[in-house]
Amino acid sequence: MARKANAEGQAGRIVCPACQCVVSSDGKTLHKKSDYFDGLIENEDSLPKLGKEIDRLENTIAKLKVDLQAEKQKAASPPAKGRENVDSVPQKESGASAVKAGRKPWW
């Protein structure tokens, strides 16, 4: 079988699984360069940019996780009793104060 492959000229050639180029079995001779390999070479300089973007996004995620934990703790804590809850309730307006403010009373 090996003689038949040698006669055809295909013996010793393999397809690289990483770059999909046809190389000799000893790896010293490149028989055919693939388009996929050309694309890898063109995109080689974009890897550091992508690394920086990934780091930035990871930092943003970490900050958002901290903020989320703080909000969860804030929501889980019971509301403070006392004056704060009373102030948040709107007070009813009397008819005299509405007239002073320039509004007509509702009645």
N, C-alpha and C. Protein backbone atom coordinates (compact mmCIF):
# COMPACT_ATOMS: atom_id res chain seq x y z
N MET A 1 0.82 -1.19 0.00
CA MET A 1 0.00 0.00 0.00
C MET A 1 0.87 1.25 0.00
N ALA A 2 1.95 1.26 0.73
CA ALA A 2 2.83 2.42 0.81
C ALA A 2 3.45 2.72 -0.55
N ARG A 3 3.78 1.68 -1.31
CA ARG A 3 4.37 1.91 -2.64
C ARG A 3 3.38 2.58 -3.57
N LYS A 4 2.14 2.19 -3.49
CA LYS A 4 1.13 2.79 -4.34
C LYS A 4 0.97 4.28 -4.02
N ALA A 5 1.01 4.64 -2.72
CA ALA A 5 0.91 6.04 -2.33
C ALA A 5 2.13 6.82 -2.79
N ASN A 6 3.30 6.22 -2.71
CA ASN A 6 4.51 6.88 -3.17
C ASN A 6 4.47 7.12 -4.66
N ALA A 7 3.89 6.18 -5.39
CA ALA A 7 3.82 6.32 -6.84
C ALA A 7 2.91 7.49 -7.22
N GLU A 8 1.88 7.72 -6.41
CA GLU A 8 0.96 8.81 -6.69
C GLU A 8 1.49 10.15 -6.18
N GLY A 9 2.49 10.13 -5.34
CA GLY A 9 3.06 11.37 -4.83
C GLY A 9 2.35 11.91 -3.61
N GLN A 10 1.51 11.12 -2.98
CA GLN A 10 0.76 11.59 -1.82
C GLN A 10 1.36 11.11 -0.49
N ALA A 11 2.36 10.28 -0.54
CA ALA A 11 2.92 9.73 0.70
C ALA A 11 3.65 10.83 1.44
N GLY A 12 3.47 10.84 2.74
CA GLY A 12 4.19 11.79 3.55
C GLY A 12 3.52 13.15 3.65
N ARG A 13 2.36 13.30 3.07
CA ARG A 13 1.64 14.57 3.17
C ARG A 13 0.47 14.41 4.14
N ILE A 14 0.33 15.38 5.02
CA ILE A 14 -0.78 15.37 5.96
C ILE A 14 -1.44 16.75 5.97
N VAL A 15 -2.65 16.76 6.43
CA VAL A 15 -3.38 18.02 6.58
C VAL A 15 -3.28 18.42 8.05
N CYS A 16 -2.75 19.59 8.29
CA CYS A 16 -2.60 20.07 9.66
C CYS A 16 -3.99 20.33 10.26
N PRO A 17 -4.28 19.76 11.42
CA PRO A 17 -5.60 19.98 12.01
C PRO A 17 -5.81 21.40 12.52
N ALA A 18 -4.74 22.11 12.81
CA ALA A 18 -4.86 23.47 13.34
C ALA A 18 -5.07 24.49 12.24
N CYS A 19 -4.23 24.46 11.21
CA CYS A 19 -4.30 25.50 10.18
C CYS A 19 -4.86 25.00 8.85
N GLN A 20 -5.09 23.68 8.73
CA GLN A 20 -5.67 23.05 7.56
C GLN A 20 -4.79 23.18 6.30
N CYS A 21 -3.49 23.35 6.50
CA CYS A 21 -2.56 23.38 5.38
C CYS A 21 -2.06 21.95 5.12
N VAL A 22 -1.61 21.71 3.89
CA VAL A 22 -1.03 20.42 3.54
C VAL A 22 0.47 20.54 3.74
N VAL A 23 1.01 19.72 4.65
CA VAL A 23 2.44 19.76 4.96
C VAL A 23 3.01 18.36 4.83
N SER A 24 4.34 18.28 4.77
CA SER A 24 4.98 16.98 4.72
C SER A 24 4.89 16.33 6.09
N SER A 25 5.07 15.03 6.16
CA SER A 25 4.91 14.31 7.41
C SER A 25 5.96 14.71 8.44
N ASP A 26 7.11 15.21 7.99
CA ASP A 26 8.11 15.65 8.96
C ASP A 26 7.89 17.11 9.38
N GLY A 27 6.95 17.81 8.75
CA GLY A 27 6.60 19.17 9.12
C GLY A 27 7.52 20.24 8.57
N LYS A 28 8.44 19.88 7.70
CA LYS A 28 9.40 20.85 7.19
C LYS A 28 8.97 21.51 5.89
N THR A 29 8.09 20.88 5.14
CA THR A 29 7.70 21.39 3.83
C THR A 29 6.21 21.70 3.81
N LEU A 30 5.91 22.90 3.38
CA LEU A 30 4.52 23.30 3.21
C LEU A 30 4.15 23.09 1.75
N HIS A 31 3.22 22.19 1.51
CA HIS A 31 2.84 21.87 0.14
C HIS A 31 1.71 22.78 -0.35
N LYS A 32 0.76 23.08 0.51
CA LYS A 32 -0.35 23.93 0.11
C LYS A 32 -0.82 24.72 1.32
N LYS A 33 -0.85 26.05 1.17
CA LYS A 33 -1.32 26.92 2.25
C LYS A 33 -2.82 27.12 2.09
N SER A 34 -3.56 26.96 3.19
CA SER A 34 -5.02 27.06 3.11
C SER A 34 -5.49 28.50 3.31
N ASP A 35 -6.71 28.75 2.87
CA ASP A 35 -7.33 30.07 3.09
C ASP A 35 -7.56 30.32 4.57
N TYR A 36 -7.83 29.25 5.31
CA TYR A 36 -8.05 29.37 6.75
C TYR A 36 -6.78 29.89 7.44
N PHE A 37 -5.63 29.40 6.98
CA PHE A 37 -4.35 29.86 7.53
C PHE A 37 -4.13 31.34 7.24
N ASP A 38 -4.49 31.78 6.05
CA ASP A 38 -4.36 33.20 5.71
C ASP A 38 -5.23 34.06 6.63
N GLY A 39 -6.44 33.59 6.91
CA GLY A 39 -7.32 34.31 7.82
C GLY A 39 -6.75 34.40 9.23
N LEU A 40 -6.10 33.32 9.69
CA LEU A 40 -5.46 33.35 11.01
C LEU A 40 -4.35 34.39 11.06
N ILE A 41 -3.58 34.47 10.01
CA ILE A 41 -2.48 35.44 9.95
C ILE A 41 -3.02 36.87 9.95
N GLU A 42 -4.09 37.12 9.20
CA GLU A 42 -4.67 38.46 9.14
C GLU A 42 -5.25 38.91 10.48
N ASN A 43 -5.82 37.99 11.23
CA ASN A 43 -6.48 38.33 12.49
C ASN A 43 -5.56 38.23 13.70
N GLU A 44 -4.29 37.94 13.48
CA GLU A 44 -3.35 37.77 14.57
C GLU A 44 -3.18 39.03 15.42
N ASP A 45 -3.17 40.20 14.81
CA ASP A 45 -2.95 41.44 15.54
C ASP A 45 -4.18 41.90 16.32
N SER A 46 -5.34 41.30 16.07
CA SER A 46 -6.54 41.70 16.81
C SER A 46 -6.66 40.99 18.16
N LEU A 47 -5.85 39.99 18.42
CA LEU A 47 -5.93 39.27 19.68
C LEU A 47 -5.64 40.13 20.91
N PRO A 48 -4.60 40.99 20.91
CA PRO A 48 -4.39 41.84 22.09
C PRO A 48 -5.55 42.80 22.34
N LYS A 49 -6.15 43.31 21.28
CA LYS A 49 -7.31 44.20 21.43
C LYS A 49 -8.47 43.44 22.08
N LEU A 50 -8.70 42.22 21.63
CA LEU A 50 -9.77 41.42 22.21
C LEU A 50 -9.49 41.09 23.67
N GLY A 51 -8.23 40.85 24.00
CA GLY A 51 -7.86 40.58 25.39
C GLY A 51 -8.15 41.76 26.29
N LYS A 52 -7.83 42.97 25.82
CA LYS A 52 -8.12 44.18 26.60
C LYS A 52 -9.62 44.38 26.78
N GLU A 53 -10.38 44.13 25.73
CA GLU A 53 -11.84 44.28 25.80
C GLU A 53 -12.44 43.27 26.77
N ILE A 54 -11.93 42.05 26.76
CA ILE A 54 -12.41 41.03 27.69
C ILE A 54 -12.10 41.42 29.13
N ASP A 55 -10.90 41.93 29.37
CA ASP A 55 -10.54 42.39 30.73
C ASP A 55 -11.47 43.51 31.19
N ARG A 56 -11.76 44.46 30.30
CA ARG A 56 -12.64 45.57 30.64
C ARG A 56 -14.04 45.06 31.00
N LEU A 57 -14.54 44.14 30.19
CA LEU A 57 -15.87 43.59 30.45
C LEU A 57 -15.91 42.77 31.74
N GLU A 58 -14.84 42.04 32.04
CA GLU A 58 -14.79 41.29 33.30
C GLU A 58 -14.79 42.22 34.49
N ASN A 59 -14.09 43.35 34.39
CA ASN A 59 -14.10 44.33 35.48
C ASN A 59 -15.49 44.93 35.67
N THR A 60 -16.15 45.22 34.56
CA THR A 60 -17.52 45.76 34.63
C THR A 60 -18.46 44.76 35.29
N ILE A 61 -18.32 43.50 34.93
CA ILE A 61 -19.16 42.45 35.51
C ILE A 61 -18.92 42.35 37.01
N ALA A 62 -17.65 42.41 37.43
CA ALA A 62 -17.33 42.33 38.85
C ALA A 62 -17.96 43.49 39.62
N LYS A 63 -17.88 44.70 39.07
CA LYS A 63 -18.48 45.87 39.72
C LYS A 63 -19.99 45.72 39.82
N LEU A 64 -20.62 45.24 38.76
CA LEU A 64 -22.07 45.06 38.76
C LEU A 64 -22.50 43.99 39.76
N LYS A 65 -21.69 42.95 39.93
CA LYS A 65 -22.01 41.92 40.92
C LYS A 65 -21.97 42.50 42.33
N VAL A 66 -20.97 43.35 42.59
CA VAL A 66 -20.88 43.99 43.91
C VAL A 66 -22.09 44.89 44.14
N ASP A 67 -22.46 45.66 43.13
CA ASP A 67 -23.63 46.54 43.24
C ASP A 67 -24.91 45.72 43.47
N LEU A 68 -25.03 44.61 42.78
CA LEU A 68 -26.20 43.75 42.93
C LEU A 68 -26.29 43.16 44.34
N GLN A 69 -25.15 42.73 44.87
CA GLN A 69 -25.15 42.20 46.23
C GLN A 69 -25.55 43.28 47.23
N ALA A 70 -25.06 44.50 47.03
CA ALA A 70 -25.42 45.60 47.93
C ALA A 70 -26.91 45.89 47.86
N GLU A 71 -27.49 45.87 46.67
CA GLU A 71 -28.93 46.11 46.52
C GLU A 71 -29.75 44.98 47.13
N LYS A 72 -29.27 43.74 47.00
CA LYS A 72 -29.97 42.61 47.61
C LYS A 72 -29.98 42.74 49.13
N GLN A 73 -28.83 43.14 49.70
CA GLN A 73 -28.76 43.31 51.14
C GLN A 73 -29.65 44.46 51.59
N LYS A 74 -29.67 45.50 50.82
CA LYS A 74 -30.51 46.66 51.13
C LYS A 74 -31.99 46.29 51.10
N ALA A 75 -32.39 45.50 50.12
CA ALA A 75 -33.78 45.08 49.99
C ALA A 75 -34.16 44.06 51.06
N ALA A 76 -33.21 43.25 51.49
CA ALA A 76 -33.49 42.22 52.48
C ALA A 76 -33.58 42.79 53.89
N SER A 77 -32.93 43.92 54.14
CA SER A 77 -32.98 44.49 55.48
C SER A 77 -34.35 45.10 55.72
N PRO A 78 -34.87 44.97 56.97
CA PRO A 78 -36.20 45.52 57.26
C PRO A 78 -36.18 47.04 57.22
N PRO A 79 -37.29 47.66 56.83
CA PRO A 79 -37.31 49.12 56.76
C PRO A 79 -37.19 49.70 58.17
N ALA A 80 -36.55 50.84 58.26
CA ALA A 80 -36.34 51.50 59.55
C ALA A 80 -37.67 52.06 60.05
N LYS A 81 -37.92 51.85 61.34
CA LYS A 81 -39.16 52.36 61.93
C LYS A 81 -38.90 53.78 62.44
N GLY A 82 -39.94 54.55 62.40
CA GLY A 82 -39.79 55.90 62.96
C GLY A 82 -40.20 56.97 61.99
N ARG A 83 -39.54 58.06 62.06
CA ARG A 83 -39.88 59.28 61.35
C ARG A 83 -39.74 59.16 59.84
N GLU A 84 -38.81 58.33 59.35
CA GLU A 84 -38.55 58.24 57.91
C GLU A 84 -39.78 57.76 57.15
N ASN A 85 -40.50 56.79 57.68
CA ASN A 85 -41.68 56.27 56.99
C ASN A 85 -42.83 57.27 57.03
N VAL A 86 -42.94 58.07 58.08
CA VAL A 86 -44.00 59.06 58.19
C VAL A 86 -43.78 60.18 57.18
N ASP A 87 -42.54 60.57 56.96
CA ASP A 87 -42.24 61.66 56.04
C ASP A 87 -42.50 61.27 54.59
N SER A 88 -42.43 60.00 54.28
CA SER A 88 -42.63 59.59 52.90
C SER A 88 -44.11 59.61 52.50
N VAL A 89 -45.01 59.62 53.47
CA VAL A 89 -46.44 59.67 53.18
C VAL A 89 -46.84 61.12 52.92
N PRO A 90 -47.48 61.41 51.78
CA PRO A 90 -47.87 62.80 51.50
C PRO A 90 -48.97 63.26 52.46
N GLN A 91 -48.87 64.50 52.87
CA GLN A 91 -49.85 65.08 53.79
C GLN A 91 -51.00 65.68 52.99
N LYS A 92 -52.22 65.63 53.54
CA LYS A 92 -53.38 66.22 52.87
C LYS A 92 -53.33 67.73 53.02
N GLU A 93 -53.78 68.38 52.00
CA GLU A 93 -53.78 69.84 51.99
C GLU A 93 -55.15 70.36 52.40
N SER A 94 -55.16 71.37 53.23
CA SER A 94 -56.46 71.96 53.61
C SER A 94 -56.90 72.93 52.52
N GLY A 95 -58.18 73.30 52.52
CA GLY A 95 -58.72 74.20 51.51
C GLY A 95 -58.07 75.57 51.54
N ALA A 96 -57.74 76.11 52.75
CA ALA A 96 -57.14 77.43 52.86
C ALA A 96 -55.73 77.45 52.27
N SER A 97 -54.97 76.40 52.50
CA SER A 97 -53.60 76.39 51.96
C SER A 97 -53.62 76.22 50.44
N ALA A 98 -54.63 75.54 49.92
CA ALA A 98 -54.74 75.39 48.47
C ALA A 98 -55.05 76.72 47.82
N VAL A 99 -55.90 77.54 48.47
CA VAL A 99 -56.24 78.85 47.93
C VAL A 99 -55.02 79.75 47.97
N LYS A 100 -54.23 79.68 49.06
CA LYS A 100 -53.02 80.49 49.16
C LYS A 100 -52.01 80.08 48.09
N ALA A 101 -51.98 78.82 47.75
CA ALA A 101 -51.02 78.36 46.75
C ALA A 101 -51.47 78.67 45.33
N GLY A 102 -52.69 79.25 45.17
CA GLY A 102 -53.16 79.63 43.85
C GLY A 102 -53.98 78.56 43.18
N ARG A 103 -54.37 77.52 43.91
CA ARG A 103 -55.19 76.46 43.34
C ARG A 103 -56.58 76.53 43.91
N LYS A 104 -57.52 76.08 43.16
CA LYS A 104 -58.91 76.05 43.64
C LYS A 104 -59.11 74.80 44.49
N PRO A 105 -59.88 74.91 45.54
CA PRO A 105 -60.18 73.72 46.33
C PRO A 105 -61.01 72.76 45.50
N TRP A 106 -60.97 71.50 45.81
CA TRP A 106 -61.63 70.49 45.01
C TRP A 106 -63.14 70.51 45.19
N TRP A 107 -63.67 71.11 46.22
CA TRP A 107 -65.12 71.15 46.42
C TRP A 107 -65.76 72.36 45.88
